[in-house]
Amino acid sequence: MLNKKVLLNAIVAGAVVASGSANAASNWVRNEGDVMYMADLQYQNASTYWDRTGVVRGIADSVGNPCTSNNLNLFQGVEYGASYYYTLFGGISVGKRSCGVDSISGVGDAELGVRGRLNPSENGKSWEAKLTLPTGYDRNNYLRMGYGRVGLELGVHYGGTEDPYSADPYMPGYAPPSDSHWEYGAMVRTWEGPPASSVGAYGKWVTLLPQEWTFAAMLEGSVSLGHGKPEPIVNAAFPRQPWSDVLKAKVEFKHLIADGWVFSVSPGLSLWGRNTPRSRGISFGIHKLFAK
């Protein structure tokens, strides 16, 4: 039988991938009839993790060899302006996870949600409700495509009053861009199974650069509300860790290309955590606004 330390290393390496694959929340409510398409390619790796007390330990695969966890994920989503007050959104991811001799690929969790205005007369301030739905993958594997449980997230988000996807002053939703602004928000997440509920928050400073570029620096974190329920793995005597705390930092460069197309690149890393990998990674995004 595998030694307990090795097994827990592999469990932690595979259990927390769900936290990195969700679509970012937004403070913006789309104009009625507008459609936004989003594609984000994300890569993360980690060779160490923080255990439940915050001590750094090495990651190992299921046969006990040290390994680097590699996570590649493609998220695609759509937002639709259902009315002046509400935006509907949804998305799904496909990806591959690997660490030493262990690997898995397939479809990740799906997301469905609604976003609404907090201020009926002003955009840039919103509330969100989002469902996370598993897609049938084996949730008892070392590596898996998500938590394998239905989740609900409720949040509020605040930001600038200009739509970053419209540079045309005659387009609906346009407002003169400010030199810089803050975006921030908070959310609570709960699951119908073992993963512990958690609260999260983020803060993001955005500033304009020349040639239709913007730069942003962001801190985000989440803290579990308890330790959840034990989650057994087939042929293993030890439980998967159903909770994690994490603090992350990233920067983002975003470029308005033309006609509502926006390109972004965003490197980032984990600064601190418990039961979570010391990950670093990068994401590339292409988003397109189809205005009515």
C-alpha atoms as a PDB file:
ATOM      1  CA  MET A   1       0.000   0.000   0.000  1.00  0.00           C
ATOM      2  CA  LEU A   2       1.190   3.535  -0.714  1.00  0.00           C
ATOM      3  CA  ASN A   3       2.619   5.434   2.184  1.00  0.00           C
ATOM      4  CA  LYS A   4       0.224   7.976   3.676  1.00  0.00           C
ATOM      5  CA  LYS A   5       2.367  11.018   2.934  1.00  0.00           C
ATOM      6  CA  VAL A   6       2.789  10.104  -0.746  1.00  0.00           C
ATOM      7  CA  LEU A   7      -0.911   9.386  -1.146  1.00  0.00           C
ATOM      8  CA  LEU A   8      -2.013  12.667   0.402  1.00  0.00           C
ATOM      9  CA  ASN A   9       0.430  14.533  -1.850  1.00  0.00           C
ATOM     10  CA  ALA A  10      -1.209  13.026  -4.927  1.00  0.00           C
ATOM     11  CA  ILE A  11      -4.691  13.667  -3.562  1.00  0.00           C
ATOM     12  CA  VAL A  12      -4.042  17.357  -2.962  1.00  0.00           C
ATOM     13  CA  ALA A  13      -2.427  17.713  -6.400  1.00  0.00           C
ATOM     14  CA  GLY A  14      -5.573  16.429  -8.090  1.00  0.00           C
ATOM     15  CA  ALA A  15      -8.284  17.792  -5.827  1.00  0.00           C
ATOM     16  CA  VAL A  16      -7.863  21.525  -6.203  1.00  0.00           C
ATOM     17  CA  VAL A  17      -7.950  21.845  -9.997  1.00  0.00           C
ATOM     18  CA  ALA A  18     -11.574  22.949  -9.868  1.00  0.00           C
ATOM     19  CA  SER A  19     -10.627  26.224  -8.191  1.00  0.00           C
ATOM     20  CA  GLY A  20      -8.691  27.454 -11.229  1.00  0.00           C
ATOM     21  CA  SER A  21     -11.046  26.739 -14.089  1.00  0.00           C
ATOM     22  CA  ALA A  22     -14.052  28.949 -13.444  1.00  0.00           C
ATOM     23  CA  ASN A  23     -14.974  31.947 -15.545  1.00  0.00           C
ATOM     24  CA  ALA A  24     -14.129  35.293 -13.965  1.00  0.00           C
ATOM     25  CA  ALA A  25     -17.052  37.250 -12.557  1.00  0.00           C
ATOM     26  CA  SER A  26     -18.020  40.601 -14.055  1.00  0.00           C
ATOM     27  CA  ASN A  27     -19.469  43.885 -12.862  1.00  0.00           C
ATOM     28  CA  TRP A  28     -20.945  44.646 -16.314  1.00  0.00           C
ATOM     29  CA  VAL A  29     -24.534  44.019 -17.443  1.00  0.00           C
ATOM     30  CA  ARG A  30     -24.842  43.677 -21.234  1.00  0.00           C
ATOM     31  CA  ASN A  31     -27.178  45.806 -23.316  1.00  0.00           C
ATOM     32  CA  GLU A  32     -30.393  44.046 -24.286  1.00  0.00           C
ATOM     33  CA  GLY A  33     -29.754  41.749 -27.255  1.00  0.00           C
ATOM     34  CA  ASP A  34     -25.938  41.981 -27.077  1.00  0.00           C
ATOM     35  CA  VAL A  35     -23.896  38.752 -27.099  1.00  0.00           C
ATOM     36  CA  MET A  36     -20.396  38.313 -25.692  1.00  0.00           C
ATOM     37  CA  TYR A  37     -18.243  35.300 -26.669  1.00  0.00           C
ATOM     38  CA  MET A  38     -15.325  34.355 -24.401  1.00  0.00           C
ATOM     39  CA  ALA A  39     -12.443  31.921 -24.948  1.00  0.00           C
ATOM     40  CA  ASP A  40      -9.708  31.586 -22.329  1.00  0.00           C
ATOM     41  CA  LEU A  41      -6.775  29.170 -22.525  1.00  0.00           C
ATOM     42  CA  GLN A  42      -5.271  28.607 -19.068  1.00  0.00           C
ATOM     43  CA  TYR A  43      -2.116  26.745 -18.030  1.00  0.00           C
ATOM     44  CA  GLN A  44      -0.954  26.109 -14.444  1.00  0.00           C
ATOM     45  CA  ASN A  45       1.775  23.959 -12.915  1.00  0.00           C
ATOM     46  CA  ALA A  46       3.045  23.163  -9.429  1.00  0.00           C
ATOM     47  CA  SER A  47       5.716  20.882  -7.961  1.00  0.00           C
ATOM     48  CA  THR A  48       4.926  21.701  -4.302  1.00  0.00           C
ATOM     49  CA  TYR A  49       1.845  22.432  -2.232  1.00  0.00           C
ATOM     50  CA  TRP A  50       0.877  23.861   1.154  1.00  0.00           C
ATOM     51  CA  ASP A  51      -0.503  21.211   3.506  1.00  0.00           C
ATOM     52  CA  ARG A  52      -3.390  21.797   5.928  1.00  0.00           C
ATOM     53  CA  THR A  53      -1.082  23.692   8.330  1.00  0.00           C
ATOM     54  CA  GLY A  54       0.552  25.818   5.608  1.00  0.00           C
ATOM     55  CA  VAL A  55       3.808  23.814   5.464  1.00  0.00           C
ATOM     56  CA  VAL A  56       5.310  23.429   1.964  1.00  0.00           C
ATOM     57  CA  ARG A  57       5.612  19.812   0.783  1.00  0.00           C
ATOM     58  CA  GLY A  58       6.515  18.107  -2.488  1.00  0.00           C
ATOM     59  CA  ILE A  59       3.900  16.677  -4.844  1.00  0.00           C
ATOM     60  CA  ALA A  60       4.166  12.992  -5.771  1.00  0.00           C
ATOM     61  CA  ASP A  61       2.264  10.783  -8.206  1.00  0.00           C
ATOM     62  CA  SER A  62       0.327   7.618  -7.332  1.00  0.00           C
ATOM     63  CA  VAL A  63       3.465   5.432  -7.336  1.00  0.00           C
ATOM     64  CA  GLY A  64       5.401   7.763  -5.044  1.00  0.00           C
ATOM     65  CA  ASN A  65       7.634   9.596  -7.527  1.00  0.00           C
ATOM     66  CA  PRO A  66       8.052  13.374  -7.219  1.00  0.00           C
ATOM     67  CA  CYS A  67       6.221  15.093 -10.077  1.00  0.00           C
ATOM     68  CA  THR A  68       5.023  18.417 -11.406  1.00  0.00           C
ATOM     69  CA  SER A  69       1.289  18.894 -11.703  1.00  0.00           C
ATOM     70  CA  ASN A  70       0.352  20.327 -15.131  1.00  0.00           C
ATOM     71  CA  ASN A  71      -3.155  21.660 -15.786  1.00  0.00           C
ATOM     72  CA  LEU A  72      -4.246  22.877 -19.234  1.00  0.00           C
ATOM     73  CA  ASN A  73      -7.781  24.219 -19.581  1.00  0.00           C
ATOM     74  CA  LEU A  74      -9.833  25.858 -22.339  1.00  0.00           C
ATOM     75  CA  PHE A  75     -12.928  27.688 -21.126  1.00  0.00           C
ATOM     76  CA  GLN A  76     -15.535  28.896 -23.625  1.00  0.00           C
ATOM     77  CA  GLY A  77     -18.530  30.928 -22.578  1.00  0.00           C
ATOM     78  CA  VAL A  78     -21.314  33.217 -23.775  1.00  0.00           C
ATOM     79  CA  GLU A  79     -23.103  36.171 -22.178  1.00  0.00           C
ATOM     80  CA  TYR A  80     -26.479  37.394 -23.449  1.00  0.00           C
ATOM     81  CA  GLY A  81     -28.223  40.664 -22.613  1.00  0.00           C
ATOM     82  CA  ALA A  82     -31.700  39.336 -21.816  1.00  0.00           C
ATOM     83  CA  SER A  83     -32.981  42.796 -20.873  1.00  0.00           C
ATOM     84  CA  TYR A  84     -31.800  46.164 -19.619  1.00  0.00           C
ATOM     85  CA  TYR A  85     -31.617  44.707 -16.109  1.00  0.00           C
ATOM     86  CA  TYR A  86     -30.350  41.143 -16.578  1.00  0.00           C
ATOM     87  CA  THR A  87     -27.570  39.251 -18.384  1.00  0.00           C
ATOM     88  CA  LEU A  88     -27.631  35.474 -18.751  1.00  0.00           C
ATOM     89  CA  PHE A  89     -24.331  33.616 -19.033  1.00  0.00           C
ATOM     90  CA  GLY A  90     -22.988  30.091 -19.393  1.00  0.00           C
ATOM     91  CA  GLY A  91     -19.858  28.206 -20.300  1.00  0.00           C
ATOM     92  CA  ILE A  92     -17.967  24.939 -20.230  1.00  0.00           C
ATOM     93  CA  SER A  93     -14.333  23.855 -20.173  1.00  0.00           C
ATOM     94  CA  VAL A  94     -12.219  21.062 -21.592  1.00  0.00           C
ATOM     95  CA  GLY A  95      -8.789  20.237 -20.274  1.00  0.00           C
ATOM     96  CA  LYS A  96      -5.995  17.895 -19.352  1.00  0.00           C
ATOM     97  CA  ARG A  97      -4.411  17.224 -15.943  1.00  0.00           C
ATOM     98  CA  SER A  98      -1.191  15.265 -15.443  1.00  0.00           C
ATOM     99  CA  CYS A  99       1.366  14.561 -12.720  1.00  0.00           C
ATOM    100  CA  GLY A 100       3.992  11.846 -13.273  1.00  0.00           C
ATOM    101  CA  VAL A 101       2.302   8.571 -14.255  1.00  0.00           C
ATOM    102  CA  ASP A 102      -1.198   9.985 -13.619  1.00  0.00           C
ATOM    103  CA  SER A 103      -3.201  11.884 -16.240  1.00  0.00           C
ATOM    104  CA  ILE A 104      -6.787  12.632 -17.215  1.00  0.00           C
ATOM    105  CA  SER A 105      -8.449  14.677 -19.954  1.00  0.00           C
ATOM    106  CA  GLY A 106     -12.010  15.530 -20.854  1.00  0.00           C
ATOM    107  CA  VAL A 107     -14.875  17.921 -20.234  1.00  0.00           C
ATOM    108  CA  GLY A 108     -14.864  19.955 -17.033  1.00  0.00           C
ATOM    109  CA  ASP A 109     -17.678  21.599 -15.114  1.00  0.00           C
ATOM    110  CA  ALA A 110     -20.398  23.654 -16.793  1.00  0.00           C
ATOM    111  CA  GLU A 111     -21.568  27.056 -15.540  1.00  0.00           C
ATOM    112  CA  LEU A 112     -24.987  28.715 -15.785  1.00  0.00           C
ATOM    113  CA  GLY A 113     -25.886  32.030 -14.221  1.00  0.00           C
ATOM    114  CA  VAL A 114     -27.620  35.387 -14.183  1.00  0.00           C
ATOM    115  CA  ARG A 115     -26.219  38.857 -13.517  1.00  0.00           C
ATOM    116  CA  GLY A 116     -28.260  41.937 -12.618  1.00  0.00           C
ATOM    117  CA  ARG A 117     -27.820  45.641 -11.974  1.00  0.00           C
ATOM    118  CA  LEU A 118     -27.340  46.814  -8.399  1.00  0.00           C
ATOM    119  CA  ASN A 119     -28.122  50.362  -9.529  1.00  0.00           C
ATOM    120  CA  PRO A 120     -30.962  50.578 -12.106  1.00  0.00           C
ATOM    121  CA  SER A 121     -29.657  53.876 -13.512  1.00  0.00           C
ATOM    122  CA  GLU A 122     -25.944  53.007 -13.731  1.00  0.00           C
ATOM    123  CA  ASN A 123     -23.906  50.102 -15.087  1.00  0.00           C
ATOM    124  CA  GLY A 124     -20.685  48.764 -13.567  1.00  0.00           C
ATOM    125  CA  LYS A 125     -22.230  47.471 -10.334  1.00  0.00           C
ATOM    126  CA  SER A 126     -23.800  44.013 -10.355  1.00  0.00           C
ATOM    127  CA  TRP A 127     -24.914  40.952  -8.434  1.00  0.00           C
ATOM    128  CA  GLU A 128     -24.458  37.405  -9.732  1.00  0.00           C
ATOM    129  CA  ALA A 129     -25.896  33.954  -9.088  1.00  0.00           C
ATOM    130  CA  LYS A 130     -24.041  31.041 -10.705  1.00  0.00           C
ATOM    131  CA  LEU A 131     -24.577  27.266 -10.762  1.00  0.00           C
ATOM    132  CA  THR A 132     -21.637  24.896 -11.302  1.00  0.00           C
ATOM    133  CA  LEU A 133     -22.697  21.557 -12.797  1.00  0.00           C
ATOM    134  CA  PRO A 134     -20.508  18.420 -13.098  1.00  0.00           C
ATOM    135  CA  THR A 135     -20.500  16.742 -16.503  1.00  0.00           C
ATOM    136  CA  GLY A 136     -20.212  13.054 -15.609  1.00  0.00           C
ATOM    137  CA  TYR A 137     -16.460  12.545 -15.085  1.00  0.00           C
ATOM    138  CA  ASP A 138     -15.277  10.108 -12.391  1.00  0.00           C
ATOM    139  CA  ARG A 139     -15.064  12.169  -9.203  1.00  0.00           C
ATOM    140  CA  ASN A 140     -13.190   9.350  -7.383  1.00  0.00           C
ATOM    141  CA  ASN A 141     -10.046   9.556  -9.543  1.00  0.00           C
ATOM    142  CA  TYR A 142      -6.767  10.997  -8.223  1.00  0.00           C
ATOM    143  CA  LEU A 143      -7.011  13.626 -10.963  1.00  0.00           C
ATOM    144  CA  ARG A 144     -10.404  14.843 -12.079  1.00  0.00           C
ATOM    145  CA  MET A 145     -11.931  17.689 -14.066  1.00  0.00           C
ATOM    146  CA  GLY A 146     -13.690  19.418 -11.140  1.00  0.00           C
ATOM    147  CA  TYR A 147     -15.264  18.777  -7.747  1.00  0.00           C
ATOM    148  CA  GLY A 148     -17.933  16.496  -9.197  1.00  0.00           C
ATOM    149  CA  ARG A 149     -20.674  18.217  -7.194  1.00  0.00           C
ATOM    150  CA  VAL A 150     -23.350  20.819  -7.886  1.00  0.00           C
ATOM    151  CA  GLY A 151     -22.243  24.233  -6.584  1.00  0.00           C
ATOM    152  CA  LEU A 152     -23.898  27.625  -6.088  1.00  0.00           C
ATOM    153  CA  GLU A 153     -22.069  30.960  -5.985  1.00  0.00           C
ATOM    154  CA  LEU A 154     -23.617  34.322  -5.005  1.00  0.00           C
ATOM    155  CA  GLY A 155     -21.617  37.512  -5.403  1.00  0.00           C
ATOM    156  CA  VAL A 156     -21.537  41.279  -5.797  1.00  0.00           C
ATOM    157  CA  HIS A 157     -19.113  43.121  -8.097  1.00  0.00           C
ATOM    158  CA  TYR A 158     -18.146  46.785  -8.502  1.00  0.00           C
ATOM    159  CA  GLY A 159     -16.018  48.488 -11.146  1.00  0.00           C
ATOM    160  CA  GLY A 160     -15.691  51.223 -13.750  1.00  0.00           C
ATOM    161  CA  THR A 161     -18.697  52.708 -15.531  1.00  0.00           C
ATOM    162  CA  GLU A 162     -17.310  52.252 -19.078  1.00  0.00           C
ATOM    163  CA  ASP A 163     -17.657  49.144 -21.230  1.00  0.00           C
ATOM    164  CA  PRO A 164     -14.098  47.981 -22.093  1.00  0.00           C
ATOM    165  CA  TYR A 165     -15.399  46.248 -25.229  1.00  0.00           C
ATOM    166  CA  SER A 166     -16.754  49.374 -26.920  1.00  0.00           C
ATOM    167  CA  ALA A 167     -14.474  52.151 -28.171  1.00  0.00           C
ATOM    168  CA  ASP A 168     -17.183  53.702 -30.360  1.00  0.00           C
ATOM    169  CA  PRO A 169     -18.908  56.689 -28.677  1.00  0.00           C
ATOM    170  CA  TYR A 170     -22.026  56.012 -30.768  1.00  0.00           C
ATOM    171  CA  MET A 171     -22.385  52.426 -29.503  1.00  0.00           C
ATOM    172  CA  PRO A 172     -24.774  51.669 -26.617  1.00  0.00           C
ATOM    173  CA  GLY A 173     -22.960  51.288 -23.326  1.00  0.00           C
ATOM    174  CA  TYR A 174     -20.069  53.592 -24.237  1.00  0.00           C
ATOM    175  CA  ALA A 175     -18.690  55.960 -21.610  1.00  0.00           C
ATOM    176  CA  PRO A 176     -15.501  58.037 -21.755  1.00  0.00           C
ATOM    177  CA  PRO A 177     -12.690  55.897 -20.308  1.00  0.00           C
ATOM    178  CA  SER A 178     -11.052  57.029 -17.079  1.00  0.00           C
ATOM    179  CA  ASP A 179      -7.276  56.946 -16.683  1.00  0.00           C
ATOM    180  CA  SER A 180      -7.593  54.299 -13.966  1.00  0.00           C
ATOM    181  CA  HIS A 181     -10.163  52.702 -11.686  1.00  0.00           C
ATOM    182  CA  TRP A 182     -10.673  49.955  -9.111  1.00  0.00           C
ATOM    183  CA  GLU A 183     -12.719  46.783  -9.476  1.00  0.00           C
ATOM    184  CA  TYR A 184     -13.602  44.658  -6.455  1.00  0.00           C
ATOM    185  CA  GLY A 185     -16.111  42.131  -5.259  1.00  0.00           C
ATOM    186  CA  ALA A 186     -16.992  39.321  -2.874  1.00  0.00           C
ATOM    187  CA  MET A 187     -18.776  35.999  -3.170  1.00  0.00           C
ATOM    188  CA  VAL A 188     -19.887  32.970  -1.180  1.00  0.00           C
ATOM    189  CA  ARG A 189     -19.826  29.402  -2.578  1.00  0.00           C
ATOM    190  CA  THR A 190     -21.572  26.284  -1.357  1.00  0.00           C
ATOM    191  CA  TRP A 191     -21.747  22.677  -2.636  1.00  0.00           C
ATOM    192  CA  GLU A 192     -24.205  19.819  -2.346  1.00  0.00           C
ATOM    193  CA  GLY A 193     -21.473  17.381  -1.363  1.00  0.00           C
ATOM    194  CA  PRO A 194     -18.180  17.127   0.528  1.00  0.00           C
ATOM    195  CA  PRO A 195     -16.414  20.361  -0.548  1.00  0.00           C
ATOM    196  CA  ALA A 196     -16.631  22.926   2.250  1.00  0.00           C
ATOM    197  CA  SER A 197     -18.438  26.197   1.646  1.00  0.00           C
ATOM    198  CA  SER A 198     -16.142  29.195   1.205  1.00  0.00           C
ATOM    199  CA  VAL A 199     -16.061  32.968   0.960  1.00  0.00           C
ATOM    200  CA  GLY A 200     -13.912  34.873  -1.509  1.00  0.00           C
ATOM    201  CA  ALA A 201     -12.957  38.433  -2.406  1.00  0.00           C
ATOM    202  CA  TYR A 202     -10.803  40.265  -4.924  1.00  0.00           C
ATOM    203  CA  GLY A 203      -9.442  43.711  -5.690  1.00  0.00           C
ATOM    204  CA  LYS A 204      -8.156  44.877  -9.072  1.00  0.00           C
ATOM    205  CA  TRP A 205      -6.525  48.134 -10.154  1.00  0.00           C
ATOM    206  CA  VAL A 206      -6.902  48.965 -13.864  1.00  0.00           C
ATOM    207  CA  THR A 207      -5.114  51.718 -15.781  1.00  0.00           C
ATOM    208  CA  LEU A 208      -4.976  52.797 -19.414  1.00  0.00           C
ATOM    209  CA  LEU A 209      -1.853  52.318 -21.532  1.00  0.00           C
ATOM    210  CA  PRO A 210      -1.090  53.730 -25.001  1.00  0.00           C
ATOM    211  CA  GLN A 211      -2.389  52.128 -28.209  1.00  0.00           C
ATOM    212  CA  GLU A 212      -5.666  50.735 -26.766  1.00  0.00           C
ATOM    213  CA  TRP A 213      -3.938  48.630 -24.089  1.00  0.00           C
ATOM    214  CA  THR A 214      -4.876  48.408 -20.420  1.00  0.00           C
ATOM    215  CA  PHE A 215      -2.904  47.058 -17.468  1.00  0.00           C
ATOM    216  CA  ALA A 216      -4.379  45.529 -14.323  1.00  0.00           C
ATOM    217  CA  ALA A 217      -2.940  44.182 -11.058  1.00  0.00           C
ATOM    218  CA  MET A 218      -5.143  41.891  -8.987  1.00  0.00           C
ATOM    219  CA  LEU A 219      -5.218  40.125  -5.621  1.00  0.00           C
ATOM    220  CA  GLU A 220      -7.833  37.427  -4.966  1.00  0.00           C
ATOM    221  CA  GLY A 221      -8.390  34.939  -2.204  1.00  0.00           C
ATOM    222  CA  SER A 222     -10.808  32.465  -0.687  1.00  0.00           C
ATOM    223  CA  VAL A 223     -11.207  30.911   2.769  1.00  0.00           C
ATOM    224  CA  SER A 224     -13.115  27.732   3.567  1.00  0.00           C
ATOM    225  CA  LEU A 225     -15.936  27.798   6.113  1.00  0.00           C
ATOM    226  CA  GLY A 226     -15.056  24.561   7.888  1.00  0.00           C
ATOM    227  CA  HIS A 227     -13.450  21.376   6.594  1.00  0.00           C
ATOM    228  CA  GLY A 228     -16.327  19.828   4.663  1.00  0.00           C
ATOM    229  CA  LYS A 229     -16.989  16.087   4.691  1.00  0.00           C
ATOM    230  CA  PRO A 230     -14.488  13.247   4.135  1.00  0.00           C
ATOM    231  CA  GLU A 231     -14.413  12.192   0.501  1.00  0.00           C
ATOM    232  CA  PRO A 232     -13.193   8.620  -0.122  1.00  0.00           C
ATOM    233  CA  ILE A 233     -11.211   7.537  -3.173  1.00  0.00           C
ATOM    234  CA  VAL A 234     -11.567   4.044  -4.644  1.00  0.00           C
ATOM    235  CA  ASN A 235      -8.836   1.660  -3.361  1.00  0.00           C
ATOM    236  CA  ALA A 236      -7.494   4.224  -0.918  1.00  0.00           C
ATOM    237  CA  ALA A 237      -7.672   4.282   2.863  1.00  0.00           C
ATOM    238  CA  PHE A 238      -7.231   8.027   3.196  1.00  0.00           C
ATOM    239  CA  PRO A 239      -9.701  10.833   2.383  1.00  0.00           C
ATOM    240  CA  ARG A 240      -9.373  13.474  -0.287  1.00  0.00           C
ATOM    241  CA  GLN A 241      -8.986  16.927   1.226  1.00  0.00           C
ATOM    242  CA  PRO A 242     -12.364  18.649   0.651  1.00  0.00           C
ATOM    243  CA  TRP A 243     -11.299  22.192   1.609  1.00  0.00           C
ATOM    244  CA  SER A 244      -8.604  24.726   0.755  1.00  0.00           C
ATOM    245  CA  ASP A 245      -7.577  28.329   1.459  1.00  0.00           C
ATOM    246  CA  VAL A 246      -5.595  30.377  -1.050  1.00  0.00           C
ATOM    247  CA  LEU A 247      -4.297  33.871  -1.850  1.00  0.00           C
ATOM    248  CA  LYS A 248      -3.343  34.613  -5.484  1.00  0.00           C
ATOM    249  CA  ALA A 249      -1.835  37.517  -7.424  1.00  0.00           C
ATOM    250  CA  LYS A 250      -1.830  38.216 -11.139  1.00  0.00           C
ATOM    251  CA  VAL A 251      -1.316  40.961 -13.679  1.00  0.00           C
ATOM    252  CA  GLU A 252      -3.239  41.399 -16.911  1.00  0.00           C
ATOM    253  CA  PHE A 253      -2.523  43.125 -20.209  1.00  0.00           C
ATOM    254  CA  LYS A 254      -5.617  43.665 -22.341  1.00  0.00           C
ATOM    255  CA  HIS A 255      -5.810  45.074 -25.874  1.00  0.00           C
ATOM    256  CA  LEU A 256      -8.869  46.308 -27.753  1.00  0.00           C
ATOM    257  CA  ILE A 257      -8.138  45.099 -31.289  1.00  0.00           C
ATOM    258  CA  ALA A 258     -11.157  46.272 -33.338  1.00  0.00           C
ATOM    259  CA  ASP A 259     -14.909  45.864 -33.660  1.00  0.00           C
ATOM    260  CA  GLY A 260     -15.342  44.621 -30.111  1.00  0.00           C
ATOM    261  CA  TRP A 261     -12.490  42.052 -30.213  1.00  0.00           C
ATOM    262  CA  VAL A 262     -10.321  42.060 -27.073  1.00  0.00           C
ATOM    263  CA  PHE A 263      -7.097  40.075 -26.508  1.00  0.00           C
ATOM    264  CA  SER A 264      -5.661  39.516 -23.016  1.00  0.00           C
ATOM    265  CA  VAL A 265      -2.662  37.818 -21.436  1.00  0.00           C
ATOM    266  CA  SER A 266      -2.451  37.270 -17.684  1.00  0.00           C
ATOM    267  CA  PRO A 267       0.394  35.593 -15.725  1.00  0.00           C
ATOM    268  CA  GLY A 268      -0.130  34.821 -12.040  1.00  0.00           C
ATOM    269  CA  LEU A 269       0.868  32.725  -9.036  1.00  0.00           C
ATOM    270  CA  SER A 270      -0.344  31.534  -5.643  1.00  0.00           C
ATOM    271  CA  LEU A 271       1.161  33.471  -2.720  1.00  0.00           C
ATOM    272  CA  TRP A 272      -0.137  31.452   0.240  1.00  0.00           C
ATOM    273  CA  GLY A 273      -2.500  28.616   0.959  1.00  0.00           C
ATOM    274  CA  ARG A 274      -3.548  25.511   2.859  1.00  0.00           C
ATOM    275  CA  ASN A 275      -4.397  22.253   1.108  1.00  0.00           C
ATOM    276  CA  THR A 276      -3.622  23.894  -2.214  1.00  0.00           C
ATOM    277  CA  PRO A 277      -0.778  23.790  -4.784  1.00  0.00           C
ATOM    278  CA  ARG A 278       1.908  26.495  -4.968  1.00  0.00           C
ATOM    279  CA  SER A 279       0.900  27.092  -8.553  1.00  0.00           C
ATOM    280  CA  ARG A 280       1.976  29.541 -11.204  1.00  0.00           C
ATOM    281  CA  GLY A 281       0.504  29.931 -14.630  1.00  0.00           C
ATOM    282  CA  ILE A 282      -0.644  32.072 -17.501  1.00  0.00           C
ATOM    283  CA  SER A 283      -3.872  32.561 -19.422  1.00  0.00           C
ATOM    284  CA  PHE A 284      -4.624  33.920 -22.893  1.00  0.00           C
ATOM    285  CA  GLY A 285      -8.064  35.241 -23.755  1.00  0.00           C
ATOM    286  CA  ILE A 286     -10.007  36.292 -26.834  1.00  0.00           C
ATOM    287  CA  HIS A 287     -13.378  37.940 -26.218  1.00  0.00           C
ATOM    288  CA  LYS A 288     -15.784  39.349 -28.803  1.00  0.00           C
ATOM    289  CA  LEU A 289     -18.820  41.585 -28.305  1.00  0.00           C
ATOM    290  CA  PHE A 290     -21.610  41.185 -30.872  1.00  0.00           C
ATOM    291  CA  ALA A 291     -23.685  44.308 -30.403  1.00  0.00           C
ATOM    292  CA  LYS A 292     -27.337  44.316 -31.394  1.00  0.00           C
END
